């Protein structure tokens, strides 16, 4: 039902925010971050991240590092 859908979306948002935080604050590999965030593969993670933030995780990390 609606609770299940909302909870799934909540979990996805939480995983994505955690992954984004790790990209910003750690030097962990993108593979490690994708696994720690609960994605079944780096490929799935890359696609989900790009859908959400409109750039691949590697590009996102690079853009953040340039700001620091």
Protein backbone atom coordinates (compact mmCIF):
# COMPACT_ATOMS: atom_id res chain seq x y z
CA UNK A 1 0.00 0.00 0.00
CA UNK A 2 0.94 3.64 0.30
CA UNK A 3 2.95 3.10 3.48
CA UNK A 4 5.12 0.51 1.76
CA UNK A 5 5.73 2.80 -1.22
CA UNK A 6 6.53 5.75 1.04
CA UNK A 7 8.85 3.63 3.16
CA UNK A 8 10.65 2.34 0.05
CA UNK A 9 11.10 5.91 -1.15
CA UNK A 10 12.34 6.90 2.30
CA UNK A 11 14.91 4.08 2.27
CA UNK A 12 16.07 5.03 -1.22
CA UNK A 13 16.41 8.68 -0.20
CA UNK A 14 18.33 7.71 2.93
CA UNK A 15 20.72 5.45 1.02
CA UNK A 16 21.29 8.11 -1.61
CA UNK A 17 21.93 10.84 0.97
CA UNK A 18 24.37 8.58 2.81
CA UNK A 19 26.21 7.83 -0.44
CA UNK A 20 26.33 11.53 -1.34
CA UNK A 21 27.73 12.32 2.11
CA UNK A 22 30.42 9.64 1.72
CA UNK A 23 31.41 11.02 -1.69
CA UNK A 24 31.80 14.46 -0.12
CA UNK A 25 33.65 13.47 3.04
CA UNK A 26 35.63 10.27 2.45
CA UNK A 27 38.17 8.91 0.01
CA UNK A 28 36.38 5.54 -0.12
CA UNK A 29 36.09 4.12 -3.61
CA UNK A 30 32.79 4.53 -5.40
CA UNK A 31 32.46 0.73 -5.37
CA UNK A 32 32.84 0.68 -1.56
CA UNK A 33 30.37 3.53 -1.16
CA UNK A 34 27.82 1.80 -3.38
CA UNK A 35 28.12 -1.40 -1.35
CA UNK A 36 28.00 0.41 2.02
CA UNK A 37 24.87 2.23 0.84
CA UNK A 38 23.13 -1.06 0.08
CA UNK A 39 23.25 -1.10 -3.71
CA UNK A 40 23.74 -4.48 -5.36
CA UNK A 41 26.33 -3.17 -7.80
CA UNK A 42 28.27 -0.04 -8.65
CA UNK A 43 26.44 0.05 -11.97
CA UNK A 44 23.03 0.20 -10.26
CA UNK A 45 24.35 2.86 -7.89
CA UNK A 46 25.82 4.96 -10.72
CA UNK A 47 22.51 4.88 -12.59
CA UNK A 48 20.45 5.76 -9.49
CA UNK A 49 22.85 8.55 -8.51
CA UNK A 50 22.82 10.03 -12.01
CA UNK A 51 19.01 9.88 -12.15
CA UNK A 52 18.83 11.71 -8.83
CA UNK A 53 21.63 14.27 -9.07
CA UNK A 54 22.04 14.56 -12.86
CA UNK A 55 25.72 13.58 -12.88
CA UNK A 56 27.71 10.42 -12.18
CA UNK A 57 29.13 9.96 -8.66
CA UNK A 58 32.72 10.45 -9.87
CA UNK A 59 31.85 13.79 -11.45
CA UNK A 60 29.93 14.85 -8.35
CA UNK A 61 32.91 14.07 -6.12
CA UNK A 62 35.23 15.98 -8.43
CA UNK A 63 32.94 19.03 -8.43
CA UNK A 64 32.76 19.01 -4.62
CA UNK A 65 36.56 18.71 -4.27
CA UNK A 66 37.01 21.71 -6.53
CA UNK A 67 34.91 23.82 -4.15
CA UNK A 68 37.09 23.02 -1.12
